[in-house]
Structures are given as C-alpha cells and as structure tokens.
Amino acid sequence: MSFDQPQRRLSFRIVGLLLAAVPFAFGVIRFAETRSDMRYLWTAIASTLGAVVIASPRSWTQRSLALQVLAAFIAASLCGVLCALLLGVTFGPALLVVCCAFGLFSAIGIVLIWRRSPR
C-alpha cells in the first residue's frame, strides 16, 4: 500500500499534532491532580513557542531537517527552562528532564506539522 503526497502530508501532521500535544497532556494531568499547579502548562506553552519560532517553514530546506529538529529542540528546551525558572521552580535535574522532554516532543511535533513533502 503506497501513500500519495496528500495522505503522507496529512499523516505527518497528525503525528506531529499528537507529539506536540504530549506536554500539554502532562500539564492538564498535573493541573487536574493539584487543582492549582499550572507550571507544566506554562512550561508546555513556552516550549512549544520556542519550537515554533525556530522551526519556521520558510527558513529551512528539506536537506536540513535534522538540523531543524536539533535547533528547535534546543530553543524549546531553553524556553521551557526559562519559563520554569520565572515561575519559581528550583534549578535541578527534575527541571532539566521535564524541559528537555517537553522540548523534544514540541520540536519533533512542530517540525512534522510544518514539514514539506519531498518532491
């Protein structure tokens, strides 16, 4: 079974949306458990915005897809760390693990959403 271009593009976008939604799912779960802690949600927003800014579809070529994901991951992780620190989270391994995980899901998700199909 072979996918044509529109189906392939749609598949990438659906997978990208699911991946980009993971940090928000964790934020919603955290908020539902505590009824007051929205730090994960704010960190997910910051991480996703960092990935969106770097992964602009006009600034990258198909050949630099790995570099695009790496740059978006770094930006998303740094934005997440900055947001968490501004919210009063103590810098440490837990903050880095959460922000790197959020950054990874955000970066790959956003790049897949905006990925152009090869010609």
N, C-alpha and C. Protein backbone atom coordinates (compact mmCIF):
# COMPACT_ATOMS: atom_id res chain seq x y z
N MET A 1 0.84 -1.18 0.00
CA MET A 1 0.00 0.00 0.00
C MET A 1 0.88 1.23 0.00
N SER A 2 0.68 2.09 -0.95
CA SER A 2 1.51 3.28 -1.09
C SER A 2 0.68 4.53 -0.79
N PHE A 3 1.29 5.44 -0.05
CA PHE A 3 0.64 6.70 0.26
C PHE A 3 0.92 7.71 -0.84
N ASP A 4 -0.09 8.45 -1.27
CA ASP A 4 0.18 9.54 -2.18
C ASP A 4 0.56 10.75 -1.33
N GLN A 5 0.97 11.84 -1.97
CA GLN A 5 1.50 13.02 -1.27
C GLN A 5 0.53 13.63 -0.26
N PRO A 6 -0.74 13.87 -0.60
CA PRO A 6 -1.63 14.46 0.40
C PRO A 6 -1.82 13.57 1.64
N GLN A 7 -1.92 12.26 1.43
CA GLN A 7 -2.08 11.35 2.57
C GLN A 7 -0.83 11.34 3.43
N ARG A 8 0.33 11.37 2.80
CA ARG A 8 1.59 11.38 3.54
C ARG A 8 1.72 12.66 4.35
N ARG A 9 1.41 13.78 3.74
CA ARG A 9 1.48 15.07 4.43
C ARG A 9 0.52 15.08 5.62
N LEU A 10 -0.69 14.57 5.42
CA LEU A 10 -1.67 14.51 6.49
C LEU A 10 -1.19 13.59 7.62
N SER A 11 -0.58 12.47 7.27
CA SER A 11 -0.06 11.56 8.28
C SER A 11 1.01 12.24 9.14
N PHE A 12 1.93 12.97 8.49
CA PHE A 12 2.96 13.70 9.23
C PHE A 12 2.33 14.73 10.16
N ARG A 13 1.32 15.42 9.68
CA ARG A 13 0.69 16.45 10.51
C ARG A 13 -0.05 15.85 11.70
N ILE A 14 -0.72 14.74 11.50
CA ILE A 14 -1.43 14.10 12.61
C ILE A 14 -0.44 13.61 13.67
N VAL A 15 0.63 12.96 13.24
CA VAL A 15 1.65 12.50 14.19
C VAL A 15 2.28 13.71 14.88
N GLY A 16 2.54 14.77 14.13
CA GLY A 16 3.11 15.98 14.71
C GLY A 16 2.20 16.60 15.76
N LEU A 17 0.92 16.66 15.47
CA LEU A 17 -0.03 17.21 16.45
C LEU A 17 -0.09 16.36 17.71
N LEU A 18 -0.07 15.05 17.55
CA LEU A 18 -0.09 14.17 18.71
C LEU A 18 1.17 14.35 19.57
N LEU A 19 2.32 14.43 18.92
CA LEU A 19 3.56 14.63 19.66
C LEU A 19 3.59 15.99 20.35
N ALA A 20 3.17 17.03 19.65
CA ALA A 20 3.18 18.37 20.23
C ALA A 20 2.17 18.50 21.37
N ALA A 21 1.17 17.65 21.39
CA ALA A 21 0.15 17.70 22.45
C ALA A 21 0.59 17.02 23.75
N VAL A 22 1.64 16.20 23.70
CA VAL A 22 2.06 15.45 24.89
C VAL A 22 2.40 16.37 26.07
N PRO A 23 3.20 17.44 25.90
CA PRO A 23 3.47 18.31 27.05
C PRO A 23 2.20 18.93 27.64
N PHE A 24 1.26 19.27 26.79
CA PHE A 24 0.00 19.85 27.27
C PHE A 24 -0.81 18.81 28.04
N ALA A 25 -0.76 17.56 27.59
CA ALA A 25 -1.46 16.50 28.31
C ALA A 25 -0.89 16.34 29.72
N PHE A 26 0.42 16.38 29.84
CA PHE A 26 1.03 16.30 31.17
C PHE A 26 0.64 17.51 32.01
N GLY A 27 0.57 18.68 31.40
CA GLY A 27 0.15 19.88 32.13
C GLY A 27 -1.28 19.77 32.62
N VAL A 28 -2.15 19.26 31.80
CA VAL A 28 -3.56 19.10 32.19
C VAL A 28 -3.68 18.06 33.31
N ILE A 29 -2.94 16.97 33.20
CA ILE A 29 -2.96 15.94 34.26
C ILE A 29 -2.47 16.53 35.57
N ARG A 30 -1.38 17.29 35.52
CA ARG A 30 -0.84 17.90 36.73
C ARG A 30 -1.85 18.87 37.35
N PHE A 31 -2.48 19.68 36.50
CA PHE A 31 -3.47 20.63 37.00
C PHE A 31 -4.69 19.90 37.58
N ALA A 32 -5.12 18.83 36.95
CA ALA A 32 -6.28 18.07 37.44
C ALA A 32 -5.98 17.43 38.79
N GLU A 33 -4.73 16.99 38.99
CA GLU A 33 -4.36 16.37 40.26
C GLU A 33 -4.25 17.39 41.39
N THR A 34 -3.71 18.57 41.09
CA THR A 34 -3.45 19.55 42.15
C THR A 34 -4.52 20.62 42.26
N ARG A 35 -5.25 20.85 41.20
CA ARG A 35 -6.28 21.90 41.12
C ARG A 35 -5.71 23.32 41.22
N SER A 36 -4.39 23.46 41.23
CA SER A 36 -3.83 24.80 41.30
C SER A 36 -2.49 24.95 40.59
N ASP A 37 -1.79 23.88 40.32
CA ASP A 37 -0.44 23.95 39.76
C ASP A 37 -0.49 23.97 38.23
N MET A 38 -0.27 25.14 37.66
CA MET A 38 -0.30 25.29 36.20
C MET A 38 1.11 25.44 35.61
N ARG A 39 2.14 25.15 36.39
CA ARG A 39 3.51 25.34 35.91
C ARG A 39 3.81 24.48 34.68
N TYR A 40 3.33 23.24 34.65
CA TYR A 40 3.57 22.39 33.48
C TYR A 40 2.90 22.96 32.24
N LEU A 41 1.70 23.50 32.41
CA LEU A 41 1.01 24.10 31.26
C LEU A 41 1.78 25.30 30.72
N TRP A 42 2.24 26.18 31.61
CA TRP A 42 3.01 27.34 31.17
C TRP A 42 4.32 26.91 30.52
N THR A 43 4.95 25.90 31.07
CA THR A 43 6.19 25.40 30.50
C THR A 43 5.94 24.77 29.13
N ALA A 44 4.83 24.07 28.98
CA ALA A 44 4.47 23.49 27.67
C ALA A 44 4.24 24.58 26.64
N ILE A 45 3.57 25.65 27.04
CA ILE A 45 3.33 26.78 26.12
C ILE A 45 4.65 27.39 25.70
N ALA A 46 5.54 27.66 26.67
CA ALA A 46 6.83 28.27 26.36
C ALA A 46 7.67 27.37 25.46
N SER A 47 7.66 26.08 25.74
CA SER A 47 8.42 25.13 24.95
C SER A 47 7.91 25.08 23.51
N THR A 48 6.61 25.04 23.35
CA THR A 48 6.03 24.99 22.01
C THR A 48 6.31 26.28 21.24
N LEU A 49 6.20 27.42 21.91
CA LEU A 49 6.50 28.69 21.24
C LEU A 49 7.97 28.76 20.81
N GLY A 50 8.87 28.23 21.64
CA GLY A 50 10.28 28.19 21.26
C GLY A 50 10.49 27.36 20.01
N ALA A 51 9.82 26.23 19.92
CA ALA A 51 9.94 25.38 18.73
C ALA A 51 9.33 26.05 17.51
N VAL A 52 8.20 26.72 17.70
CA VAL A 52 7.52 27.38 16.57
C VAL A 52 8.40 28.49 15.99
N VAL A 53 9.01 29.28 16.86
CA VAL A 53 9.84 30.40 16.39
C VAL A 53 11.02 29.90 15.56
N ILE A 54 11.67 28.84 16.01
CA ILE A 54 12.85 28.34 15.30
C ILE A 54 12.49 27.51 14.06
N ALA A 55 11.41 26.78 14.12
CA ALA A 55 11.07 25.85 13.03
C ALA A 55 10.19 26.49 11.96
N SER A 56 10.34 27.77 11.75
CA SER A 56 9.57 28.45 10.72
C SER A 56 9.79 27.77 9.37
N PRO A 57 8.74 27.41 8.67
CA PRO A 57 8.89 26.62 7.45
C PRO A 57 9.63 27.33 6.32
N ARG A 58 9.67 28.62 6.33
CA ARG A 58 10.33 29.34 5.23
C ARG A 58 11.84 29.38 5.37
N SER A 59 12.35 29.13 6.57
CA SER A 59 13.78 29.31 6.79
C SER A 59 14.60 28.04 6.67
N TRP A 60 13.98 26.93 6.31
CA TRP A 60 14.70 25.66 6.26
C TRP A 60 14.45 24.95 4.94
N THR A 61 15.42 24.14 4.54
CA THR A 61 15.27 23.31 3.35
C THR A 61 15.04 21.87 3.78
N GLN A 62 14.63 21.04 2.87
CA GLN A 62 14.41 19.62 3.16
C GLN A 62 15.70 18.96 3.63
N ARG A 63 16.83 19.36 3.08
CA ARG A 63 18.09 18.70 3.41
C ARG A 63 18.54 18.98 4.84
N SER A 64 18.03 20.03 5.44
CA SER A 64 18.47 20.39 6.79
C SER A 64 17.44 20.00 7.84
N LEU A 65 16.69 18.94 7.61
CA LEU A 65 15.64 18.53 8.53
C LEU A 65 16.19 18.17 9.91
N ALA A 66 17.29 17.43 9.97
CA ALA A 66 17.89 17.05 11.26
C ALA A 66 18.37 18.28 12.01
N LEU A 67 18.98 19.21 11.30
CA LEU A 67 19.44 20.44 11.93
C LEU A 67 18.26 21.27 12.43
N GLN A 68 17.18 21.27 11.69
CA GLN A 68 15.98 22.00 12.09
C GLN A 68 15.41 21.42 13.39
N VAL A 69 15.34 20.10 13.49
CA VAL A 69 14.83 19.46 14.70
C VAL A 69 15.75 19.76 15.87
N LEU A 70 17.06 19.69 15.66
CA LEU A 70 18.02 19.97 16.74
C LEU A 70 17.89 21.41 17.22
N ALA A 71 17.83 22.37 16.29
CA ALA A 71 17.70 23.77 16.68
C ALA A 71 16.38 24.03 17.40
N ALA A 72 15.30 23.43 16.92
CA ALA A 72 14.00 23.61 17.57
C ALA A 72 14.00 22.97 18.96
N PHE A 73 14.68 21.82 19.10
CA PHE A 73 14.78 21.16 20.41
C PHE A 73 15.52 22.04 21.41
N ILE A 74 16.64 22.61 20.99
CA ILE A 74 17.42 23.47 21.88
C ILE A 74 16.62 24.70 22.28
N ALA A 75 15.99 25.34 21.30
CA ALA A 75 15.19 26.54 21.60
C ALA A 75 14.01 26.21 22.50
N ALA A 76 13.32 25.12 22.21
CA ALA A 76 12.15 24.74 23.00
C ALA A 76 12.55 24.39 24.44
N SER A 77 13.65 23.67 24.59
CA SER A 77 14.12 23.30 25.93
C SER A 77 14.54 24.54 26.72
N LEU A 78 15.28 25.44 26.08
CA LEU A 78 15.71 26.66 26.77
C LEU A 78 14.53 27.54 27.15
N CYS A 79 13.55 27.65 26.27
CA CYS A 79 12.35 28.44 26.60
C CYS A 79 11.59 27.80 27.77
N GLY A 80 11.53 26.48 27.79
CA GLY A 80 10.88 25.79 28.90
C GLY A 80 11.61 26.01 30.21
N VAL A 81 12.94 25.93 30.19
CA VAL A 81 13.74 26.16 31.39
C VAL A 81 13.54 27.59 31.88
N LEU A 82 13.62 28.55 30.97
CA LEU A 82 13.45 29.96 31.36
C LEU A 82 12.07 30.19 31.98
N CYS A 83 11.05 29.63 31.37
CA CYS A 83 9.69 29.79 31.91
C CYS A 83 9.57 29.17 33.29
N ALA A 84 10.11 27.97 33.45
CA ALA A 84 10.03 27.30 34.76
C ALA A 84 10.77 28.10 35.83
N LEU A 85 11.94 28.63 35.48
CA LEU A 85 12.68 29.44 36.44
C LEU A 85 11.91 30.71 36.81
N LEU A 86 11.27 31.33 35.83
CA LEU A 86 10.47 32.52 36.10
C LEU A 86 9.26 32.20 36.98
N LEU A 87 8.79 30.97 36.92
CA LEU A 87 7.66 30.55 37.75
C LEU A 87 8.09 30.12 39.16
N GLY A 88 9.40 30.15 39.41
CA GLY A 88 9.89 29.85 40.75
C GLY A 88 10.35 28.43 40.99
N VAL A 89 10.48 27.64 39.94
CA VAL A 89 10.96 26.27 40.09
C VAL A 89 12.47 26.30 40.36
N THR A 90 12.91 25.48 41.29
CA THR A 90 14.33 25.40 41.61
C THR A 90 15.07 24.66 40.50
N PHE A 91 16.21 25.25 40.08
CA PHE A 91 17.00 24.63 39.02
C PHE A 91 17.61 23.33 39.53
N GLY A 92 17.42 22.27 38.76
CA GLY A 92 17.97 20.97 39.14
C GLY A 92 17.66 19.93 38.09
N PRO A 93 18.00 18.68 38.37
CA PRO A 93 17.80 17.61 37.39
C PRO A 93 16.34 17.44 36.98
N ALA A 94 15.41 17.56 37.91
CA ALA A 94 14.00 17.37 37.57
C ALA A 94 13.53 18.41 36.55
N LEU A 95 13.94 19.66 36.76
CA LEU A 95 13.58 20.73 35.82
C LEU A 95 14.16 20.44 34.44
N LEU A 96 15.41 20.01 34.40
CA LEU A 96 16.06 19.73 33.12
C LEU A 96 15.41 18.55 32.40
N VAL A 97 15.05 17.52 33.12
CA VAL A 97 14.41 16.35 32.49
C VAL A 97 13.06 16.73 31.91
N VAL A 98 12.26 17.45 32.69
CA VAL A 98 10.92 17.84 32.22
C VAL A 98 11.05 18.76 31.01
N CYS A 99 11.92 19.77 31.09
CA CYS A 99 12.03 20.73 29.99
C CYS A 99 12.63 20.10 28.73
N CYS A 100 13.58 19.19 28.89
CA CYS A 100 14.13 18.50 27.72
C CYS A 100 13.09 17.58 27.08
N ALA A 101 12.30 16.91 27.91
CA ALA A 101 11.24 16.06 27.36
C ALA A 101 10.19 16.91 26.64
N PHE A 102 9.77 18.00 27.27
CA PHE A 102 8.81 18.90 26.62
C PHE A 102 9.41 19.46 25.33
N GLY A 103 10.68 19.84 25.38
CA GLY A 103 11.35 20.38 24.19
C GLY A 103 11.43 19.39 23.06
N LEU A 104 11.71 18.13 23.40
CA LEU A 104 11.82 17.10 22.37
C LEU A 104 10.47 16.86 21.68
N PHE A 105 9.42 16.69 22.49
CA PHE A 105 8.09 16.47 21.90
C PHE A 105 7.63 17.69 21.10
N SER A 106 7.87 18.88 21.63
CA SER A 106 7.46 20.10 20.92
C SER A 106 8.22 20.25 19.60
N ALA A 107 9.53 20.06 19.65
CA ALA A 107 10.35 20.25 18.45
C ALA A 107 9.98 19.26 17.35
N ILE A 108 9.92 17.99 17.68
CA ILE A 108 9.60 16.99 16.65
C ILE A 108 8.17 17.21 16.15
N GLY A 109 7.25 17.49 17.06
CA GLY A 109 5.86 17.72 16.65
C GLY A 109 5.71 18.90 15.71
N ILE A 110 6.30 20.03 16.06
CA ILE A 110 6.18 21.23 15.22
C ILE A 110 6.86 21.02 13.87
N VAL A 111 8.04 20.41 13.87
CA VAL A 111 8.73 20.16 12.59
C VAL A 111 7.90 19.23 11.71
N LEU A 112 7.29 18.21 12.28
CA LEU A 112 6.46 17.31 11.47
C LEU A 112 5.21 18.00 10.95
N ILE A 113 4.64 18.90 11.74
CA ILE A 113 3.45 19.63 11.29
C ILE A 113 3.80 20.50 10.08
N TRP A 114 4.95 21.14 10.12
CA TRP A 114 5.32 22.07 9.06
C TRP A 114 6.19 21.45 7.97
N ARG A 115 6.47 20.17 8.08
CA ARG A 115 7.36 19.51 7.12
C ARG A 115 6.75 19.53 5.72
N ARG A 116 7.60 19.85 4.78
CA ARG A 116 7.19 19.79 3.37
C ARG A 116 7.52 18.40 2.85
N SER A 117 6.64 17.86 2.05
CA SER A 117 6.89 16.54 1.48
C SER A 117 7.99 16.65 0.43
N PRO A 118 8.86 15.62 0.33
CA PRO A 118 9.89 15.64 -0.70
C PRO A 118 9.27 15.62 -2.09
N ARG A 119 9.94 16.27 -3.00
CA ARG A 119 9.40 16.36 -4.37
C ARG A 119 9.90 15.27 -5.24
